[in-house]
PDB file of N, CA and C in Angstrom:
ATOM      1  N   MET A   1     150.207  66.018  89.469  1.00  0.00           N
ATOM      2  CA  MET A   1     151.061  65.153  90.231  1.00  0.00           C
ATOM      3  C   MET A   1     150.323  64.624  91.466  1.00  0.00           C
ATOM      4  N   LEU A   2     149.514  65.475  92.100  1.00  0.00           N
ATOM      5  CA  LEU A   2     148.739  65.038  93.259  1.00  0.00           C
ATOM      6  C   LEU A   2     147.781  63.925  92.871  1.00  0.00           C
ATOM      7  N   GLN A   3     147.112  64.069  91.756  1.00  0.00           N
ATOM      8  CA  GLN A   3     146.175  63.043  91.285  1.00  0.00           C
ATOM      9  C   GLN A   3     146.904  61.731  91.023  1.00  0.00           C
ATOM     10  N   ARG A   4     148.045  61.776  90.388  1.00  0.00           N
ATOM     11  CA  ARG A   4     148.819  60.565  90.101  1.00  0.00           C
ATOM     12  C   ARG A   4     149.229  59.879  91.404  1.00  0.00           C
ATOM     13  N   PHE A   5     149.671  60.656  92.362  1.00  0.00           N
ATOM     14  CA  PHE A   5     150.076  60.096  93.655  1.00  0.00           C
ATOM     15  C   PHE A   5     148.898  59.424  94.351  1.00  0.00           C
ATOM     16  N   LEU A   6     147.761  60.129  94.461  1.00  0.00           N
ATOM     17  CA  LEU A   6     146.599  59.572  95.152  1.00  0.00           C
ATOM     18  C   LEU A   6     145.995  58.381  94.420  1.00  0.00           C
ATOM     19  N   SER A   7     146.077  58.368  93.108  1.00  0.00           N
ATOM     20  CA  SER A   7     145.557  57.244  92.324  1.00  0.00           C
ATOM     21  C   SER A   7     146.301  55.950  92.618  1.00  0.00           C
ATOM     22  N   ASN A   8     147.528  56.068  93.071  1.00  0.00           N
ATOM     23  CA  ASN A   8     148.323  54.887  93.399  1.00  0.00           C
ATOM     24  C   ASN A   8     148.200  54.483  94.863  1.00  0.00           C
ATOM     25  N   CYS A   9     147.241  55.075  95.570  1.00  0.00           N
ATOM     26  CA  CYS A   9     147.025  54.776  96.993  1.00  0.00           C
ATOM     27  C   CYS A   9     145.544  54.462  97.244  1.00  0.00           C
ATOM     28  N   PRO A  10     144.984  53.414  96.623  1.00  0.00           N
ATOM     29  CA  PRO A  10     143.543  53.159  96.734  1.00  0.00           C
ATOM     30  C   PRO A  10     143.074  52.803  98.145  1.00  0.00           C
ATOM     31  N   LEU A  11     143.964  52.366  99.020  1.00  0.00           N
ATOM     32  CA  LEU A  11     143.586  52.011 100.390  1.00  0.00           C
ATOM     33  C   LEU A  11     143.749  53.165 101.362  1.00  0.00           C
ATOM     34  N   LEU A  12     144.196  54.299 100.875  1.00  0.00           N
ATOM     35  CA  LEU A  12     144.370  55.486 101.711  1.00  0.00           C
ATOM     36  C   LEU A  12     143.043  55.852 102.355  1.00  0.00           C
ATOM     37  N   ASP A  13     143.047  56.046 103.670  1.00  0.00           N
ATOM     38  CA  ASP A  13     141.780  56.355 104.332  1.00  0.00           C
ATOM     39  C   ASP A  13     141.785  57.680 105.076  1.00  0.00           C
ATOM     40  N   GLU A  14     142.863  58.450 104.950  1.00  0.00           N
ATOM     41  CA  GLU A  14     142.926  59.762 105.607  1.00  0.00           C
ATOM     42  C   GLU A  14     143.703  60.724 104.718  1.00  0.00           C
ATOM     43  N   VAL A  15     143.135  61.911 104.480  1.00  0.00           N
ATOM     44  CA  VAL A  15     143.809  62.902 103.637  1.00  0.00           C
ATOM     45  C   VAL A  15     143.735  64.272 104.300  1.00  0.00           C
ATOM     46  N   LEU A  16     144.886  64.926 104.382  1.00  0.00           N
ATOM     47  CA  LEU A  16     144.981  66.304 104.849  1.00  0.00           C
ATOM     48  C   LEU A  16     145.719  67.079 103.769  1.00  0.00           C
ATOM     49  N   LEU A  17     145.018  67.981 103.124  1.00  0.00           N
ATOM     50  CA  LEU A  17     145.620  68.847 102.121  1.00  0.00           C
ATOM     51  C   LEU A  17     145.770  70.216 102.758  1.00  0.00           C
ATOM     52  N   GLY A  18     146.983  70.507 103.196  1.00  0.00           N
ATOM     53  CA  GLY A  18     147.220  71.684 104.020  1.00  0.00           C
ATOM     54  C   GLY A  18     147.746  72.883 103.282  1.00  0.00           C
ATOM     55  N   GLU A  19     148.575  73.620 103.961  1.00  0.00           N
ATOM     56  CA  GLU A  19     149.079  74.890 103.462  1.00  0.00           C
ATOM     57  C   GLU A  19     149.987  74.694 102.258  1.00  0.00           C
ATOM     58  N   CYS A  20     149.995  75.684 101.415  1.00  0.00           N
ATOM     59  CA  CYS A  20     150.888  75.717 100.260  1.00  0.00           C
ATOM     60  C   CYS A  20     151.207  77.177  99.959  1.00  0.00           C
ATOM     61  N   GLU A  21     151.998  77.383  98.965  1.00  0.00           N
ATOM     62  CA  GLU A  21     152.394  78.743  98.602  1.00  0.00           C
ATOM     63  C   GLU A  21     151.183  79.549  98.151  1.00  0.00           C
ATOM     64  N   GLU A  22     150.966  80.686  98.767  1.00  0.00           N
ATOM     65  CA  GLU A  22     149.770  81.492  98.539  1.00  0.00           C
ATOM     66  C   GLU A  22     149.616  81.980  97.096  1.00  0.00           C
ATOM     67  N   ASN A  23     150.689  82.319  96.446  1.00  0.00           N
ATOM     68  CA  ASN A  23     150.553  82.895  95.110  1.00  0.00           C
ATOM     69  C   ASN A  23     150.733  81.863  93.994  1.00  0.00           C
ATOM     70  N   PHE A  24     150.599  80.596  94.295  1.00  0.00           N
ATOM     71  CA  PHE A  24     150.626  79.545  93.275  1.00  0.00           C
ATOM     72  C   PHE A  24     149.322  79.583  92.491  1.00  0.00           C
ATOM     73  N   ASP A  25     149.389  79.547  91.163  1.00  0.00           N
ATOM     74  CA  ASP A  25     148.197  79.637  90.323  1.00  0.00           C
ATOM     75  C   ASP A  25     147.597  78.250  90.109  1.00  0.00           C
ATOM     76  N   PHE A  26     146.635  77.878  90.967  1.00  0.00           N
ATOM     77  CA  PHE A  26     146.005  76.569  90.899  1.00  0.00           C
ATOM     78  C   PHE A  26     145.127  76.398  89.672  1.00  0.00           C
ATOM     79  N   GLU A  27     144.490  77.438  89.238  1.00  0.00           N
ATOM     80  CA  GLU A  27     143.491  77.307  88.192  1.00  0.00           C
ATOM     81  C   GLU A  27     144.094  77.113  86.805  1.00  0.00           C
ATOM     82  N   GLN A  28     145.355  77.370  86.653  1.00  0.00           N
ATOM     83  CA  GLN A  28     145.989  77.225  85.348  1.00  0.00           C
ATOM     84  C   GLN A  28     146.128  75.740  84.998  1.00  0.00           C
ATOM     85  N   GLY A  29     145.291  75.257  84.093  1.00  0.00           N
ATOM     86  CA  GLY A  29     145.364  73.875  83.646  1.00  0.00           C
ATOM     87  C   GLY A  29     144.885  72.841  84.660  1.00  0.00           C
ATOM     88  N   ASN A  30     144.104  73.244  85.639  1.00  0.00           N
ATOM     89  CA  ASN A  30     143.647  72.301  86.656  1.00  0.00           C
ATOM     90  C   ASN A  30     142.625  71.325  86.081  1.00  0.00           C
ATOM     91  N   LYS A  31     142.911  70.043  86.205  1.00  0.00           N
ATOM     92  CA  LYS A  31     141.985  68.996  85.792  1.00  0.00           C
ATOM     93  C   LYS A  31     141.615  68.105  86.974  1.00  0.00           C
ATOM     94  N   PHE A  32     142.127  68.408  88.154  1.00  0.00           N
ATOM     95  CA  PHE A  32     141.906  67.579  89.339  1.00  0.00           C
ATOM     96  C   PHE A  32     140.958  68.310  90.281  1.00  0.00           C
ATOM     97  N   THR A  33     139.750  67.787  90.426  1.00  0.00           N
ATOM     98  CA  THR A  33     138.734  68.417  91.254  1.00  0.00           C
ATOM     99  C   THR A  33     138.276  67.431  92.326  1.00  0.00           C
ATOM    100  N   PHE A  34     137.273  67.831  93.110  1.00  0.00           N
ATOM    101  CA  PHE A  34     136.715  66.930  94.110  1.00  0.00           C
ATOM    102  C   PHE A  34     136.164  65.652  93.473  1.00  0.00           C
ATOM    103  N   ILE A  35     135.696  65.754  92.240  1.00  0.00           N
ATOM    104  CA  ILE A  35     135.172  64.571  91.545  1.00  0.00           C
ATOM    105  C   ILE A  35     136.278  63.533  91.386  1.00  0.00           C
ATOM    106  N   GLU A  36     137.426  63.953  90.879  1.00  0.00           N
ATOM    107  CA  GLU A  36     138.555  63.033  90.719  1.00  0.00           C
ATOM    108  C   GLU A  36     139.110  62.584  92.066  1.00  0.00           C
ATOM    109  N   LEU A  37     139.137  63.484  93.031  1.00  0.00           N
ATOM    110  CA  LEU A  37     139.610  63.108  94.364  1.00  0.00           C
ATOM    111  C   LEU A  37     138.761  61.976  94.943  1.00  0.00           C
ATOM    112  N   SER A  38     137.456  62.074  94.827  1.00  0.00           N
ATOM    113  CA  SER A  38     136.575  61.044  95.378  1.00  0.00           C
ATOM    114  C   SER A  38     136.789  59.694  94.692  1.00  0.00           C
ATOM    115  N   GLN A  39     137.168  59.701  93.427  1.00  0.00           N
ATOM    116  CA  GLN A  39     137.434  58.452  92.709  1.00  0.00           C
ATOM    117  C   GLN A  39     138.791  57.871  93.080  1.00  0.00           C
ATOM    118  N   CYS A  40     139.751  58.726  93.454  1.00  0.00           N
ATOM    119  CA  CYS A  40     141.096  58.263  93.819  1.00  0.00           C
ATOM    120  C   CYS A  40     141.135  57.643  95.210  1.00  0.00           C
ATOM    121  N   VAL A  41     140.355  58.187  96.119  1.00  0.00           N
ATOM    122  CA  VAL A  41     140.412  57.730  97.514  1.00  0.00           C
ATOM    123  C   VAL A  41     139.010  57.359  98.016  1.00  0.00           C
ATOM    124  N   PRO A  42     138.428  56.275  97.512  1.00  0.00           N
ATOM    125  CA  PRO A  42     137.059  55.905  97.880  1.00  0.00           C
ATOM    126  C   PRO A  42     136.893  55.472  99.337  1.00  0.00           C
ATOM    127  N   SER A  43     137.981  55.103 100.010  1.00  0.00           N
ATOM    128  CA  SER A  43     137.900  54.626 101.395  1.00  0.00           C
ATOM    129  C   SER A  43     138.170  55.710 102.426  1.00  0.00           C
ATOM    130  N   ILE A  44     138.220  56.951 101.996  1.00  0.00           N
ATOM    131  CA  ILE A  44     138.584  58.046 102.888  1.00  0.00           C
ATOM    132  C   ILE A  44     137.574  58.195 104.027  1.00  0.00           C
ATOM    133  N   LYS A  45     138.107  58.402 105.242  1.00  0.00           N
ATOM    134  CA  LYS A  45     137.254  58.587 106.424  1.00  0.00           C
ATOM    135  C   LYS A  45     137.319  60.032 106.902  1.00  0.00           C
ATOM    136  N   PRO A  46     138.499  60.554 107.270  1.00  0.00           N
ATOM    137  CA  PRO A  46     138.586  61.997 107.523  1.00  0.00           C
ATOM    138  C   PRO A  46     139.194  62.702 106.315  1.00  0.00           C
ATOM    139  N   LEU A  47     138.665  63.882 106.010  1.00  0.00           N
ATOM    140  CA  LEU A  47     139.191  64.698 104.916  1.00  0.00           C
ATOM    141  C   LEU A  47     139.304  66.133 105.401  1.00  0.00           C
ATOM    142  N   ASP A  48     140.520  66.658 105.338  1.00  0.00           N
ATOM    143  CA  ASP A  48     140.791  68.050 105.679  1.00  0.00           C
ATOM    144  C   ASP A  48     141.291  68.747 104.424  1.00  0.00           C
ATOM    145  N   VAL A  49     140.593  69.791 104.007  1.00  0.00           N
ATOM    146  CA  VAL A  49     141.011  70.552 102.828  1.00  0.00           C
ATOM    147  C   VAL A  49     141.106  72.011 103.240  1.00  0.00           C
ATOM    148  N   LEU A  50     142.331  72.510 103.278  1.00  0.00           N
ATOM    149  CA  LEU A  50     142.544  73.877 103.708  1.00  0.00           C
ATOM    150  C   LEU A  50     142.519  74.831 102.520  1.00  0.00           C
ATOM    151  N   LYS A  51     142.514  76.089 102.827  1.00  0.00           N
ATOM    152  CA  LYS A  51     142.269  77.237 101.953  1.00  0.00           C
ATOM    153  C   LYS A  51     142.636  77.077 100.473  1.00  0.00           C
ATOM    154  N   TYR A  52     143.899  76.946 100.158  1.00  0.00           N
ATOM    155  CA  TYR A  52     144.310  76.984  98.754  1.00  0.00           C
ATOM    156  C   TYR A  52     143.975  75.693  98.020  1.00  0.00           C
ATOM    157  N   TYR A  53     143.976  74.565  98.706  1.00  0.00           N
ATOM    158  CA  TYR A  53     143.545  73.319  98.072  1.00  0.00           C
ATOM    159  C   TYR A  53     142.036  73.333  97.828  1.00  0.00           C
ATOM    160  N   MET A  54     141.292  73.998  98.691  1.00  0.00           N
ATOM    161  CA  MET A  54     139.847  74.131  98.472  1.00  0.00           C
ATOM    162  C   MET A  54     139.602  74.881  97.168  1.00  0.00           C
ATOM    163  N   LYS A  55     140.345  75.938  96.959  1.00  0.00           N
ATOM    164  CA  LYS A  55     140.225  76.715  95.719  1.00  0.00           C
ATOM    165  C   LYS A  55     140.604  75.851  94.522  1.00  0.00           C
ATOM    166  N   TYR A  56     141.650  75.080  94.649  1.00  0.00           N
ATOM    167  CA  TYR A  56     142.144  74.206  93.584  1.00  0.00           C
ATOM    168  C   TYR A  56     141.133  73.116  93.231  1.00  0.00           C
ATOM    169  N   LEU A  57     140.622  72.404  94.229  1.00  0.00           N
ATOM    170  CA  LEU A  57     139.721  71.270  93.990  1.00  0.00           C
ATOM    171  C   LEU A  57     138.319  71.696  93.567  1.00  0.00           C
ATOM    172  N   SER A  58     137.931  72.924  93.881  1.00  0.00           N
ATOM    173  CA  SER A  58     136.574  73.379  93.539  1.00  0.00           C
ATOM    174  C   SER A  58     136.526  74.165  92.225  1.00  0.00           C
ATOM    175  N   ALA A  59     137.653  74.303  91.551  1.00  0.00           N
ATOM    176  CA  ALA A  59     137.692  75.052  90.286  1.00  0.00           C
ATOM    177  C   ALA A  59     136.706  74.455  89.290  1.00  0.00           C
ATOM    178  N   GLY A  60     135.896  75.300  88.697  1.00  0.00           N
ATOM    179  CA  GLY A  60     134.931  74.845  87.703  1.00  0.00           C
ATOM    180  C   GLY A  60     133.583  74.458  88.262  1.00  0.00           C
ATOM    181  N   GLY A  61     133.411  74.509  89.573  1.00  0.00           N
ATOM    182  CA  GLY A  61     132.127  74.180  90.176  1.00  0.00           C
ATOM    183  C   GLY A  61     131.928  72.688  90.350  1.00  0.00           C
ATOM    184  N   MET A  62     130.757  72.322  90.852  1.00  0.00           N
ATOM    185  CA  MET A  62     130.474  70.924  91.176  1.00  0.00           C
ATOM    186  C   MET A  62     129.067  70.547  90.738  1.00  0.00           C
ATOM    187  N   PRO A  63     128.856  69.252  90.519  1.00  0.00           N
ATOM    188  CA  PRO A  63     127.491  68.786  90.269  1.00  0.00           C
ATOM    189  C   PRO A  63     126.716  68.772  91.586  1.00  0.00           C
ATOM    190  N   HIS A  64     125.466  68.377  91.529  1.00  0.00           N
ATOM    191  CA  HIS A  64     124.648  68.290  92.743  1.00  0.00           C
ATOM    192  C   HIS A  64     125.197  67.239  93.702  1.00  0.00           C
ATOM    193  N   LYS A  65     125.687  66.130  93.154  1.00  0.00           N
ATOM    194  CA  LYS A  65     126.226  65.036  93.953  1.00  0.00           C
ATOM    195  C   LYS A  65     127.393  64.412  93.199  1.00  0.00           C
ATOM    196  N   LEU A  66     128.378  63.898  93.928  1.00  0.00           N
ATOM    197  CA  LEU A  66     129.521  63.265  93.292  1.00  0.00           C
ATOM    198  C   LEU A  66     129.110  61.956  92.620  1.00  0.00           C
ATOM    199  N   PRO A  67     129.719  61.598  91.495  1.00  0.00           N
ATOM    200  CA  PRO A  67     129.393  60.328  90.857  1.00  0.00           C
ATOM    201  C   PRO A  67     129.830  59.123  91.691  1.00  0.00           C
ATOM    202  N   THR A  68     130.856  59.309  92.517  1.00  0.00           N
ATOM    203  CA  THR A  68     131.327  58.267  93.421  1.00  0.00           C
ATOM    204  C   THR A  68     130.995  58.699  94.844  1.00  0.00           C
ATOM    205  N   SER A  69     130.074  58.005  95.478  1.00  0.00           N
ATOM    206  CA  SER A  69     129.666  58.363  96.831  1.00  0.00           C
ATOM    207  C   SER A  69     130.810  58.122  97.819  1.00  0.00           C
ATOM    208  N   LEU A  70     130.935  59.005  98.794  1.00  0.00           N
ATOM    209  CA  LEU A  70     131.963  58.878  99.827  1.00  0.00           C
ATOM    210  C   LEU A  70     131.367  58.126 101.008  1.00  0.00           C
ATOM    211  N   VAL A  71     131.191  56.831 100.842  1.00  0.00           N
ATOM    212  CA  VAL A  71     130.451  56.014 101.808  1.00  0.00           C
ATOM    213  C   VAL A  71     131.178  55.804 103.128  1.00  0.00           C
ATOM    214  N   HIS A  72     132.467  56.124 103.201  1.00  0.00           N
ATOM    215  CA  HIS A  72     133.227  55.958 104.443  1.00  0.00           C
ATOM    216  C   HIS A  72     133.534  57.278 105.141  1.00  0.00           C
ATOM    217  N   LEU A  73     133.271  58.401 104.479  1.00  0.00           N
ATOM    218  CA  LEU A  73     133.640  59.712 105.012  1.00  0.00           C
ATOM    219  C   LEU A  73     132.821  60.046 106.257  1.00  0.00           C
ATOM    220  N   LYS A  74     133.533  60.210 107.389  1.00  0.00           N
ATOM    221  CA  LYS A  74     132.864  60.515 108.658  1.00  0.00           C
ATOM    222  C   LYS A  74     133.196  61.912 109.169  1.00  0.00           C
ATOM    223  N   TYR A  75     134.349  62.446 108.784  1.00  0.00           N
ATOM    224  CA  TYR A  75     134.799  63.749 109.282  1.00  0.00           C
ATOM    225  C   TYR A  75     135.237  64.607 108.100  1.00  0.00           C
ATOM    226  N   LEU A  76     134.685  65.802 108.017  1.00  0.00           N
ATOM    227  CA  LEU A  76     134.992  66.721 106.925  1.00  0.00           C
ATOM    228  C   LEU A  76     135.352  68.083 107.495  1.00  0.00           C
ATOM    229  N   HIS A  77     136.551  68.553 107.180  1.00  0.00           N
ATOM    230  CA  HIS A  77     137.004  69.874 107.610  1.00  0.00           C
ATOM    231  C   HIS A  77     137.389  70.654 106.363  1.00  0.00           C
ATOM    232  N   LEU A  78     136.675  71.744 106.102  1.00  0.00           N
ATOM    233  CA  LEU A  78     136.915  72.549 104.914  1.00  0.00           C
ATOM    234  C   LEU A  78     137.098  74.015 105.273  1.00  0.00           C
ATOM    235  N   GLU A  79     138.072  74.664 104.642  1.00  0.00           N
ATOM    236  CA  GLU A  79     138.207  76.115 104.729  1.00  0.00           C
ATOM    237  C   GLU A  79     137.583  76.675 103.461  1.00  0.00           C
ATOM    238  N   VAL A  80     136.483  77.397 103.615  1.00  0.00           N
ATOM    239  CA  VAL A  80     135.681  77.845 102.477  1.00  0.00           C
ATOM    240  C   VAL A  80     135.589  79.372 102.457  1.00  0.00           C
ATOM    241  N   CYS A  81     135.875  79.954 101.299  1.00  0.00           N
ATOM    242  CA  CYS A  81     135.677  81.390 101.111  1.00  0.00           C
ATOM    243  C   CYS A  81     134.202  81.610 100.807  1.00  0.00           C
ATOM    244  N   PHE A  82     133.512  82.334 101.667  1.00  0.00           N
ATOM    245  CA  PHE A  82     132.071  82.526 101.476  1.00  0.00           C
ATOM    246  C   PHE A  82     131.756  83.437 100.291  1.00  0.00           C
ATOM    247  N   MET A  83     132.769  84.009  99.668  1.00  0.00           N
ATOM    248  CA  MET A  83     132.567  84.856  98.482  1.00  0.00           C
ATOM    249  C   MET A  83     132.731  84.059  97.176  1.00  0.00           C
ATOM    250  N   GLU A  84     133.137  82.793  97.268  1.00  0.00           N
ATOM    251  CA  GLU A  84     133.395  81.967  96.085  1.00  0.00           C
ATOM    252  C   GLU A  84     132.295  80.929  95.904  1.00  0.00           C
ATOM    253  N   HIS A  85     131.481  81.118  94.875  1.00  0.00           N
ATOM    254  CA  HIS A  85     130.369  80.206  94.595  1.00  0.00           C
ATOM    255  C   HIS A  85     130.853  78.753  94.399  1.00  0.00           C
ATOM    256  N   ASN A  86     131.967  78.573  93.679  1.00  0.00           N
ATOM    257  CA  ASN A  86     132.485  77.224  93.432  1.00  0.00           C
ATOM    258  C   ASN A  86     132.860  76.509  94.721  1.00  0.00           C
ATOM    259  N   GLU A  87     133.413  77.225  95.678  1.00  0.00           N
ATOM    260  CA  GLU A  87     133.797  76.597  96.939  1.00  0.00           C
ATOM    261  C   GLU A  87     132.570  76.211  97.765  1.00  0.00           C
ATOM    262  N   ILE A  88     131.568  77.064  97.776  1.00  0.00           N
ATOM    263  CA  ILE A  88     130.340  76.757  98.519  1.00  0.00           C
ATOM    264  C   ILE A  88     129.618  75.574  97.880  1.00  0.00           C
ATOM    265  N   SER A  89     129.493  75.564  96.549  1.00  0.00           N
ATOM    266  CA  SER A  89     128.814  74.444  95.887  1.00  0.00           C
ATOM    267  C   SER A  89     129.597  73.151  96.062  1.00  0.00           C
ATOM    268  N   SER A  90     130.917  73.229  96.099  1.00  0.00           N
ATOM    269  CA  SER A  90     131.735  72.030  96.328  1.00  0.00           C
ATOM    270  C   SER A  90     131.531  71.485  97.733  1.00  0.00           C
ATOM    271  N   ALA A  91     131.475  72.379  98.713  1.00  0.00           N
ATOM    272  CA  ALA A  91     131.246  71.947 100.094  1.00  0.00           C
ATOM    273  C   ALA A  91     129.887  71.265 100.224  1.00  0.00           C
ATOM    274  N   LEU A  92     128.855  71.841  99.633  1.00  0.00           N
ATOM    275  CA  LEU A  92     127.518  71.240  99.676  1.00  0.00           C
ATOM    276  C   LEU A  92     127.493  69.886  98.973  1.00  0.00           C
ATOM    277  N   CYS A  93     128.188  69.785  97.866  1.00  0.00           N
ATOM    278  CA  CYS A  93     128.261  68.532  97.127  1.00  0.00           C
ATOM    279  C   CYS A  93     128.946  67.451  97.965  1.00  0.00           C
ATOM    280  N   MET A  94     130.010  67.805  98.645  1.00  0.00           N
ATOM    281  CA  MET A  94     130.704  66.842  99.500  1.00  0.00           C
ATOM    282  C   MET A  94     129.777  66.338 100.605  1.00  0.00           C
ATOM    283  N   ILE A  95     129.013  67.229 101.200  1.00  0.00           N
ATOM    284  CA  ILE A  95     128.083  66.847 102.266  1.00  0.00           C
ATOM    285  C   ILE A  95     127.011  65.905 101.721  1.00  0.00           C
ATOM    286  N   ARG A  96     126.439  66.240 100.582  1.00  0.00           N
ATOM    287  CA  ARG A  96     125.394  65.394  99.976  1.00  0.00           C
ATOM    288  C   ARG A  96     125.915  64.020  99.580  1.00  0.00           C
ATOM    289  N   SER A  97     127.203  63.917  99.305  1.00  0.00           N
ATOM    290  CA  SER A  97     127.794  62.669  98.819  1.00  0.00           C
ATOM    291  C   SER A  97     128.373  61.806  99.928  1.00  0.00           C
ATOM    292  N   ALA A  98     128.175  62.199 101.172  1.00  0.00           N
ATOM    293  CA  ALA A  98     128.741  61.463 102.310  1.00  0.00           C
ATOM    294  C   ALA A  98     127.611  61.011 103.248  1.00  0.00           C
ATOM    295  N   PRO A  99     127.036  59.845 102.992  1.00  0.00           N
ATOM    296  CA  PRO A  99     125.861  59.405 103.754  1.00  0.00           C
ATOM    297  C   PRO A  99     126.118  59.093 105.234  1.00  0.00           C
ATOM    298  N   VAL A 100     127.353  58.815 105.638  1.00  0.00           N
ATOM    299  CA  VAL A 100     127.631  58.482 107.043  1.00  0.00           C
ATOM    300  C   VAL A 100     128.420  59.585 107.747  1.00  0.00           C
ATOM    301  N   LEU A 101     128.399  60.780 107.193  1.00  0.00           N
ATOM    302  CA  LEU A 101     129.130  61.910 107.758  1.00  0.00           C
ATOM    303  C   LEU A 101     128.673  62.174 109.190  1.00  0.00           C
ATOM    304  N   GLU A 102     129.624  62.230 110.114  1.00  0.00           N
ATOM    305  CA  GLU A 102     129.316  62.454 111.528  1.00  0.00           C
ATOM    306  C   GLU A 102     129.694  63.845 112.013  1.00  0.00           C
ATOM    307  N   LYS A 103     130.734  64.437 111.418  1.00  0.00           N
ATOM    308  CA  LYS A 103     131.207  65.734 111.903  1.00  0.00           C
ATOM    309  C   LYS A 103     131.669  66.592 110.730  1.00  0.00           C
ATOM    310  N   ILE A 104     131.228  67.850 110.741  1.00  0.00           N
ATOM    311  CA  ILE A 104     131.625  68.824 109.733  1.00  0.00           C
ATOM    312  C   ILE A 104     132.218  70.032 110.447  1.00  0.00           C
ATOM    313  N   VAL A 105     133.366  70.476 109.975  1.00  0.00           N
ATOM    314  CA  VAL A 105     133.981  71.691 110.499  1.00  0.00           C
ATOM    315  C   VAL A 105     134.242  72.603 109.309  1.00  0.00           C
ATOM    316  N   PHE A 106     133.691  73.813 109.369  1.00  0.00           N
ATOM    317  CA  PHE A 106     133.925  74.816 108.335  1.00  0.00           C
ATOM    318  C   PHE A 106     134.697  75.970 108.946  1.00  0.00           C
ATOM    319  N   LEU A 107     135.692  76.423 108.239  1.00  0.00           N
ATOM    320  CA  LEU A 107     136.348  77.680 108.572  1.00  0.00           C
ATOM    321  C   LEU A 107     136.028  78.592 107.401  1.00  0.00           C
ATOM    322  N   MET A 108     135.135  79.534 107.629  1.00  0.00           N
ATOM    323  CA  MET A 108     134.695  80.444 106.570  1.00  0.00           C
ATOM    324  C   MET A 108     135.578  81.688 106.595  1.00  0.00           C
ATOM    325  N   TYR A 109     135.900  82.193 105.427  1.00  0.00           N
ATOM    326  CA  TYR A 109     136.706  83.416 105.339  1.00  0.00           C
ATOM    327  C   TYR A 109     136.284  84.208 104.107  1.00  0.00           C
ATOM    328  N   ASP A 110     136.653  85.463 104.112  1.00  0.00           N
ATOM    329  CA  ASP A 110     136.448  86.371 102.994  1.00  0.00           C
ATOM    330  C   ASP A 110     137.845  86.625 102.412  1.00  0.00           C
ATOM    331  N   ASN A 111     137.977  86.684 101.107  1.00  0.00           N
ATOM    332  CA  ASN A 111     139.293  86.912 100.494  1.00  0.00           C
ATOM    333  C   ASN A 111     139.981  88.163 101.000  1.00  0.00           C
ATOM    334  N   LYS A 112     139.218  89.149 101.430  1.00  0.00           N
ATOM    335  CA  LYS A 112     139.799  90.414 101.848  1.00  0.00           C
ATOM    336  C   LYS A 112     140.074  90.476 103.354  1.00  0.00           C
ATOM    337  N   LYS A 113     139.570  89.478 104.102  1.00  0.00           N
ATOM    338  CA  LYS A 113     139.683  89.529 105.555  1.00  0.00           C
ATOM    339  C   LYS A 113     140.278  88.230 106.077  1.00  0.00           C
ATOM    340  N   SER A 114     140.582  88.217 107.345  1.00  0.00           N
ATOM    341  CA  SER A 114     141.080  87.011 107.990  1.00  0.00           C
ATOM    342  C   SER A 114     139.908  86.048 108.240  1.00  0.00           C
ATOM    343  N   PRO A 115     140.197  84.785 108.645  1.00  0.00           N
ATOM    344  CA  PRO A 115     139.131  83.819 108.884  1.00  0.00           C
ATOM    345  C   PRO A 115     138.078  84.339 109.867  1.00  0.00           C
ATOM    346  N   LEU A 116     136.832  83.942 109.648  1.00  0.00           N
ATOM    347  CA  LEU A 116     135.719  84.357 110.521  1.00  0.00           C
ATOM    348  C   LEU A 116     135.596  83.413 111.684  1.00  0.00           C
TER     349      LEU A 116
END
């Protein structure tokens, strides 16, 4: 449903994917990743992806670089679990795919502990 909504907003230039229910099973049937997100919102400038959406969008890992470059992305805020390889590779992929990135904010956490 999120993908369908964002696909109908091609001029959207700001996205904040915030808090959601902690025990929601994102990985069950997930077909919407950072790759699809970048194709839905090519004009995005700031992108905030918090904890559970980071897990959702990074499911399955990432390529070295996104097929659709994020040429407008200037601000990136990600909550990344440093114990999850898919989340770390997704964060690196987002950075590599944003040539005009000016500011990066990471909130690193461990699944067993509070944010670092």
